[in-house]
């Protein structure tokens, strides 16, 4: 790959995506929570695998959670009886802390009715 020299005559440095991601991760805070006496931590959203984001976008929070927490932590939540309502509440709070609007997390707006014309 060849590139033009920068203003100082040196070739521009390549952007190191891996190093930048590691630096950003170090500045991020995981979402920590407790459930039935067990501590859990979801990593910051910026490091979530695309597979988890795909499941969240599809509204499949149950499939996203083991990707985010790891299978052992997810199994513990399941054994402790995590409910659908608690799962939705967890993702609602997770979204708030991470600054995300996650589907299927929190109350949905009611659909307005559509006026139809009367047939004669």
N, C-alpha and C. Protein backbone atom coordinates (compact mmCIF):
# COMPACT_ATOMS: atom_id res chain seq x y z
N UNK A 1 0.85 -1.17 0.00
CA UNK A 1 0.00 0.00 0.00
C UNK A 1 0.89 1.23 0.00
N UNK A 2 0.66 2.11 -0.90
CA UNK A 2 1.45 3.33 -0.96
C UNK A 2 0.54 4.49 -0.64
N UNK A 3 1.11 5.49 -0.03
CA UNK A 3 0.32 6.66 0.33
C UNK A 3 1.14 7.91 0.15
N UNK A 4 0.48 9.01 0.06
CA UNK A 4 1.16 10.30 -0.10
C UNK A 4 1.84 10.67 1.20
N UNK A 5 2.89 11.41 1.09
CA UNK A 5 3.58 11.88 2.27
C UNK A 5 2.76 12.96 2.94
N UNK A 6 2.87 13.04 4.26
CA UNK A 6 2.16 14.08 4.99
C UNK A 6 2.92 15.39 4.88
N UNK A 7 2.44 16.43 5.52
CA UNK A 7 3.04 17.75 5.44
C UNK A 7 4.50 17.74 5.89
N UNK A 8 4.86 16.83 6.80
CA UNK A 8 6.24 16.81 7.27
C UNK A 8 7.13 15.89 6.43
N UNK A 9 6.60 15.39 5.33
CA UNK A 9 7.38 14.55 4.44
C UNK A 9 7.40 13.08 4.81
N UNK A 10 6.83 12.73 5.93
CA UNK A 10 6.78 11.34 6.37
C UNK A 10 5.47 10.71 5.92
N UNK A 11 5.50 9.40 5.65
CA UNK A 11 4.23 8.75 5.30
C UNK A 11 3.30 8.78 6.51
N UNK A 12 1.98 8.90 6.27
CA UNK A 12 1.04 8.94 7.40
C UNK A 12 1.05 7.59 8.13
N UNK A 13 0.90 7.67 9.44
CA UNK A 13 0.86 6.46 10.25
C UNK A 13 -0.46 5.74 10.01
N UNK A 14 -0.41 4.42 10.02
CA UNK A 14 -1.62 3.63 9.87
C UNK A 14 -2.41 3.64 11.17
N UNK A 15 -3.71 3.70 11.04
CA UNK A 15 -4.59 3.65 12.22
C UNK A 15 -4.58 2.23 12.75
N UNK A 16 -4.24 2.06 14.00
CA UNK A 16 -4.21 0.74 14.64
C UNK A 16 -5.54 0.53 15.36
N UNK A 17 -6.46 -0.13 14.68
CA UNK A 17 -7.81 -0.33 15.21
C UNK A 17 -7.78 -1.12 16.50
N UNK A 18 -6.98 -2.15 16.57
CA UNK A 18 -6.91 -2.98 17.77
C UNK A 18 -6.43 -2.18 18.97
N UNK A 19 -5.38 -1.38 18.80
CA UNK A 19 -4.86 -0.56 19.90
C UNK A 19 -5.88 0.48 20.33
N UNK A 20 -6.57 1.09 19.37
CA UNK A 20 -7.58 2.09 19.70
C UNK A 20 -8.74 1.46 20.46
N UNK A 21 -9.15 0.27 20.05
CA UNK A 21 -10.25 -0.43 20.73
C UNK A 21 -9.85 -0.79 22.16
N UNK A 22 -8.62 -1.25 22.35
CA UNK A 22 -8.15 -1.58 23.70
C UNK A 22 -8.11 -0.34 24.59
N UNK A 23 -7.68 0.78 24.04
CA UNK A 23 -7.64 2.03 24.82
C UNK A 23 -9.04 2.48 25.19
N UNK A 24 -9.98 2.38 24.25
CA UNK A 24 -11.36 2.78 24.52
C UNK A 24 -11.98 1.86 25.55
N UNK A 25 -11.68 0.57 25.48
CA UNK A 25 -12.22 -0.39 26.45
C UNK A 25 -11.71 -0.09 27.85
N UNK A 26 -10.47 0.30 27.96
CA UNK A 26 -9.90 0.61 29.27
C UNK A 26 -10.59 1.81 29.92
N UNK A 27 -11.14 2.70 29.09
CA UNK A 27 -11.84 3.89 29.62
C UNK A 27 -13.31 3.62 29.92
N UNK A 28 -13.83 2.48 29.52
CA UNK A 28 -15.24 2.17 29.68
C UNK A 28 -15.50 1.43 30.98
N UNK A 29 -16.74 1.54 31.45
CA UNK A 29 -17.14 0.89 32.70
C UNK A 29 -18.16 -0.20 32.41
N UNK A 30 -17.94 -1.40 32.93
CA UNK A 30 -18.96 -2.44 32.75
C UNK A 30 -20.23 -2.11 33.54
N UNK A 31 -21.33 -2.72 33.15
CA UNK A 31 -22.59 -2.59 33.87
C UNK A 31 -22.65 -3.73 34.88
N UNK A 32 -22.51 -3.40 36.14
CA UNK A 32 -22.51 -4.41 37.20
C UNK A 32 -23.89 -4.47 37.84
N UNK A 33 -24.32 -5.71 38.15
CA UNK A 33 -25.59 -5.90 38.83
C UNK A 33 -25.52 -7.15 39.68
N UNK A 34 -26.46 -7.25 40.60
CA UNK A 34 -26.55 -8.42 41.47
C UNK A 34 -27.93 -9.03 41.30
N UNK A 35 -28.00 -10.35 41.32
CA UNK A 35 -29.27 -11.05 41.23
C UNK A 35 -29.20 -12.27 42.14
N UNK A 36 -30.08 -12.30 43.12
CA UNK A 36 -30.18 -13.40 44.08
C UNK A 36 -28.82 -13.78 44.67
N UNK A 37 -28.08 -12.73 45.06
CA UNK A 37 -26.82 -12.93 45.76
C UNK A 37 -25.61 -13.16 44.88
N UNK A 38 -25.78 -13.17 43.57
CA UNK A 38 -24.65 -13.38 42.67
C UNK A 38 -24.35 -12.07 41.93
N UNK A 39 -23.06 -11.77 41.81
CA UNK A 39 -22.63 -10.56 41.10
C UNK A 39 -22.37 -10.86 39.63
N UNK A 40 -22.76 -9.91 38.78
CA UNK A 40 -22.58 -10.05 37.34
C UNK A 40 -22.05 -8.74 36.78
N UNK A 41 -21.43 -8.81 35.61
CA UNK A 41 -20.97 -7.60 34.92
C UNK A 41 -21.11 -7.81 33.42
N UNK A 42 -21.77 -6.86 32.79
CA UNK A 42 -21.89 -6.84 31.34
C UNK A 42 -20.84 -5.86 30.84
N UNK A 43 -20.03 -6.27 29.87
CA UNK A 43 -18.99 -5.35 29.39
C UNK A 43 -19.61 -4.11 28.74
N UNK A 44 -18.82 -3.05 28.60
CA UNK A 44 -19.33 -1.84 27.94
C UNK A 44 -19.79 -2.15 26.53
N UNK A 45 -20.82 -1.44 26.08
CA UNK A 45 -21.44 -1.70 24.78
C UNK A 45 -20.44 -1.62 23.63
N UNK A 46 -19.43 -0.80 23.74
CA UNK A 46 -18.49 -0.64 22.64
C UNK A 46 -17.70 -1.90 22.34
N UNK A 47 -17.69 -2.87 23.27
CA UNK A 47 -16.95 -4.11 23.02
C UNK A 47 -17.88 -5.31 22.84
N UNK A 48 -19.18 -5.06 22.72
CA UNK A 48 -20.11 -6.16 22.51
C UNK A 48 -19.85 -6.79 21.15
N UNK A 49 -19.84 -8.11 21.10
CA UNK A 49 -19.69 -8.78 19.80
C UNK A 49 -20.89 -8.50 18.90
N UNK A 50 -20.63 -8.47 17.62
CA UNK A 50 -21.71 -8.23 16.67
C UNK A 50 -22.81 -9.28 16.77
N UNK A 51 -22.45 -10.49 17.17
CA UNK A 51 -23.47 -11.53 17.32
C UNK A 51 -24.48 -11.14 18.40
N UNK A 52 -24.03 -10.51 19.48
CA UNK A 52 -24.95 -10.05 20.53
C UNK A 52 -25.81 -8.90 20.02
N UNK A 53 -25.19 -7.98 19.31
CA UNK A 53 -25.95 -6.85 18.77
C UNK A 53 -27.01 -7.32 17.78
N UNK A 54 -26.70 -8.34 16.99
CA UNK A 54 -27.66 -8.88 16.04
C UNK A 54 -28.86 -9.46 16.80
N UNK A 55 -28.60 -10.20 17.86
CA UNK A 55 -29.70 -10.79 18.64
C UNK A 55 -30.55 -9.70 19.30
N UNK A 56 -29.91 -8.65 19.80
CA UNK A 56 -30.64 -7.55 20.41
C UNK A 56 -31.52 -6.86 19.37
N UNK A 57 -30.96 -6.62 18.19
CA UNK A 57 -31.73 -5.97 17.13
C UNK A 57 -32.94 -6.80 16.72
N UNK A 58 -32.80 -8.12 16.81
CA UNK A 58 -33.92 -9.01 16.49
C UNK A 58 -34.91 -9.13 17.65
N UNK A 59 -34.56 -8.52 18.80
CA UNK A 59 -35.43 -8.59 19.96
C UNK A 59 -35.25 -9.87 20.75
N UNK A 60 -34.19 -10.62 20.49
CA UNK A 60 -33.94 -11.88 21.16
C UNK A 60 -32.94 -11.65 22.30
N UNK A 61 -33.43 -11.03 23.38
CA UNK A 61 -32.56 -10.69 24.50
C UNK A 61 -32.01 -11.93 25.20
N UNK A 62 -32.80 -12.99 25.24
CA UNK A 62 -32.35 -14.22 25.88
C UNK A 62 -31.13 -14.82 25.17
N UNK A 63 -31.06 -14.68 23.86
CA UNK A 63 -29.90 -15.18 23.12
C UNK A 63 -28.71 -14.23 23.24
N UNK A 64 -28.96 -12.95 23.43
CA UNK A 64 -27.87 -11.98 23.54
C UNK A 64 -27.18 -12.07 24.90
N UNK A 65 -27.94 -12.35 25.95
CA UNK A 65 -27.37 -12.31 27.30
C UNK A 65 -26.22 -13.28 27.53
N UNK A 66 -26.28 -14.55 27.10
CA UNK A 66 -25.12 -15.42 27.32
C UNK A 66 -23.89 -14.97 26.55
N UNK A 67 -24.08 -14.29 25.42
CA UNK A 67 -22.94 -13.77 24.66
C UNK A 67 -22.28 -12.64 25.45
N UNK A 68 -23.10 -11.82 26.11
CA UNK A 68 -22.57 -10.68 26.86
C UNK A 68 -21.98 -11.08 28.21
N UNK A 69 -22.63 -12.01 28.89
CA UNK A 69 -22.20 -12.41 30.24
C UNK A 69 -21.25 -13.60 30.25
N UNK A 70 -21.37 -14.44 29.25
CA UNK A 70 -20.68 -15.72 29.26
C UNK A 70 -21.68 -16.80 29.65
N UNK A 71 -21.47 -18.03 29.16
CA UNK A 71 -22.45 -19.08 29.39
C UNK A 71 -22.63 -19.47 30.85
N UNK A 72 -21.56 -19.46 31.64
CA UNK A 72 -21.68 -19.86 33.05
C UNK A 72 -22.54 -18.88 33.84
N UNK A 73 -22.31 -17.58 33.64
CA UNK A 73 -23.10 -16.58 34.34
C UNK A 73 -24.56 -16.65 33.89
N UNK A 74 -24.78 -16.85 32.59
CA UNK A 74 -26.15 -16.97 32.10
C UNK A 74 -26.84 -18.20 32.70
N UNK A 75 -26.11 -19.31 32.77
CA UNK A 75 -26.68 -20.52 33.38
C UNK A 75 -27.07 -20.27 34.84
N UNK A 76 -26.25 -19.51 35.56
CA UNK A 76 -26.56 -19.20 36.96
C UNK A 76 -27.83 -18.37 37.06
N UNK A 77 -27.98 -17.37 36.19
CA UNK A 77 -29.20 -16.56 36.18
C UNK A 77 -30.42 -17.43 35.91
N UNK A 78 -30.28 -18.36 34.98
CA UNK A 78 -31.38 -19.25 34.64
C UNK A 78 -31.73 -20.15 35.82
N UNK A 79 -30.71 -20.70 36.45
CA UNK A 79 -30.94 -21.55 37.63
C UNK A 79 -31.62 -20.77 38.75
N UNK A 80 -31.26 -19.50 38.89
CA UNK A 80 -31.85 -18.66 39.93
C UNK A 80 -33.26 -18.19 39.58
N UNK A 81 -33.74 -18.52 38.37
CA UNK A 81 -35.13 -18.24 38.02
C UNK A 81 -35.38 -16.89 37.38
N UNK A 82 -34.43 -16.33 36.65
CA UNK A 82 -34.64 -15.06 35.97
C UNK A 82 -35.90 -15.13 35.11
N UNK A 83 -36.75 -14.13 35.25
CA UNK A 83 -38.01 -14.09 34.51
C UNK A 83 -37.90 -13.18 33.28
N UNK A 84 -38.87 -13.28 32.41
CA UNK A 84 -38.90 -12.42 31.24
C UNK A 84 -38.97 -10.95 31.65
N UNK A 85 -39.79 -10.64 32.64
CA UNK A 85 -39.89 -9.26 33.12
C UNK A 85 -38.56 -8.75 33.66
N UNK A 86 -37.86 -9.60 34.40
CA UNK A 86 -36.55 -9.20 34.93
C UNK A 86 -35.53 -9.03 33.80
N UNK A 87 -35.60 -9.89 32.79
CA UNK A 87 -34.70 -9.78 31.65
C UNK A 87 -34.92 -8.45 30.93
N UNK A 88 -36.19 -8.09 30.72
CA UNK A 88 -36.50 -6.81 30.08
C UNK A 88 -36.03 -5.64 30.92
N UNK A 89 -36.24 -5.73 32.23
CA UNK A 89 -35.79 -4.66 33.14
C UNK A 89 -34.27 -4.53 33.11
N UNK A 90 -33.58 -5.67 33.09
CA UNK A 90 -32.12 -5.65 33.02
C UNK A 90 -31.65 -4.91 31.76
N UNK A 91 -32.22 -5.25 30.61
CA UNK A 91 -31.80 -4.60 29.37
C UNK A 91 -32.23 -3.14 29.33
N UNK A 92 -33.34 -2.81 29.97
CA UNK A 92 -33.75 -1.39 30.04
C UNK A 92 -32.69 -0.59 30.80
N UNK A 93 -32.27 -1.10 31.95
CA UNK A 93 -31.25 -0.40 32.75
C UNK A 93 -29.90 -0.40 32.05
N UNK A 94 -29.57 -1.51 31.43
CA UNK A 94 -28.32 -1.61 30.69
C UNK A 94 -28.28 -0.58 29.57
N UNK A 95 -29.38 -0.46 28.85
CA UNK A 95 -29.46 0.53 27.79
C UNK A 95 -29.31 1.95 28.31
N UNK A 96 -29.95 2.25 29.44
CA UNK A 96 -29.83 3.59 30.03
C UNK A 96 -28.39 3.88 30.42
N UNK A 97 -27.72 2.92 31.06
CA UNK A 97 -26.35 3.13 31.52
C UNK A 97 -25.39 3.27 30.34
N UNK A 98 -25.65 2.55 29.26
CA UNK A 98 -24.76 2.58 28.10
C UNK A 98 -25.17 3.64 27.08
N UNK A 99 -26.29 4.32 27.33
CA UNK A 99 -26.75 5.35 26.40
C UNK A 99 -27.32 4.77 25.12
N UNK A 100 -27.97 3.61 25.22
CA UNK A 100 -28.53 2.93 24.05
C UNK A 100 -30.03 2.82 24.16
N UNK A 101 -30.69 2.80 23.02
CA UNK A 101 -32.13 2.54 22.97
C UNK A 101 -32.27 1.12 22.46
N UNK A 102 -32.42 0.18 23.38
CA UNK A 102 -32.47 -1.24 23.03
C UNK A 102 -33.90 -1.68 22.77
N UNK A 103 -34.12 -2.48 21.72
CA UNK A 103 -35.48 -2.99 21.47
C UNK A 103 -35.89 -3.98 22.55
N UNK A 104 -37.18 -4.07 22.77
CA UNK A 104 -37.75 -5.01 23.75
C UNK A 104 -37.26 -4.76 25.16
N UNK A 105 -36.88 -3.55 25.47
CA UNK A 105 -36.44 -3.27 26.84
C UNK A 105 -37.21 -2.05 27.33
N UNK A 106 -38.17 -2.30 28.13
CA UNK A 106 -38.94 -1.20 28.68
C UNK A 106 -40.30 -1.09 28.02
N UNK A 107 -41.10 -0.20 28.57
CA UNK A 107 -42.47 -0.06 28.08
C UNK A 107 -42.50 0.44 26.65
N UNK A 108 -43.42 -0.08 25.90
CA UNK A 108 -43.62 0.33 24.52
C UNK A 108 -44.73 1.36 24.45
N UNK A 109 -44.59 2.26 23.50
CA UNK A 109 -45.64 3.24 23.29
C UNK A 109 -46.86 2.55 22.70
N UNK A 110 -48.03 2.97 23.13
CA UNK A 110 -49.27 2.42 22.59
C UNK A 110 -49.45 2.92 21.16
N UNK A 111 -49.90 2.04 20.30
CA UNK A 111 -50.21 2.45 18.94
C UNK A 111 -51.52 3.22 18.94
N UNK A 112 -51.56 4.30 18.22
CA UNK A 112 -52.80 5.05 18.08
C UNK A 112 -53.73 4.35 17.12
N UNK A 113 -55.01 4.58 17.28
CA UNK A 113 -55.96 3.95 16.37
C UNK A 113 -56.00 4.75 15.08
N UNK A 114 -56.33 4.07 14.01
CA UNK A 114 -56.43 4.70 12.70
C UNK A 114 -57.90 4.82 12.33
N UNK A 115 -58.30 6.00 11.98
CA UNK A 115 -59.69 6.24 11.60
C UNK A 115 -59.93 5.63 10.21
N UNK A 116 -60.98 4.91 10.11
CA UNK A 116 -61.35 4.33 8.82
C UNK A 116 -62.65 4.93 8.34
N UNK A 117 -62.82 4.92 7.04
CA UNK A 117 -64.06 5.49 6.50
C UNK A 117 -65.18 4.46 6.61
N UNK A 118 -66.39 4.94 6.77
CA UNK A 118 -67.55 4.06 6.87
C UNK A 118 -68.01 3.72 5.47
N UNK A 119 -68.34 2.44 5.29
CA UNK A 119 -68.90 2.02 4.00
C UNK A 119 -70.39 2.30 3.98
N UNK A 120 -70.89 2.66 2.85
CA UNK A 120 -72.32 2.93 2.73
C UNK A 120 -72.98 1.92 1.86
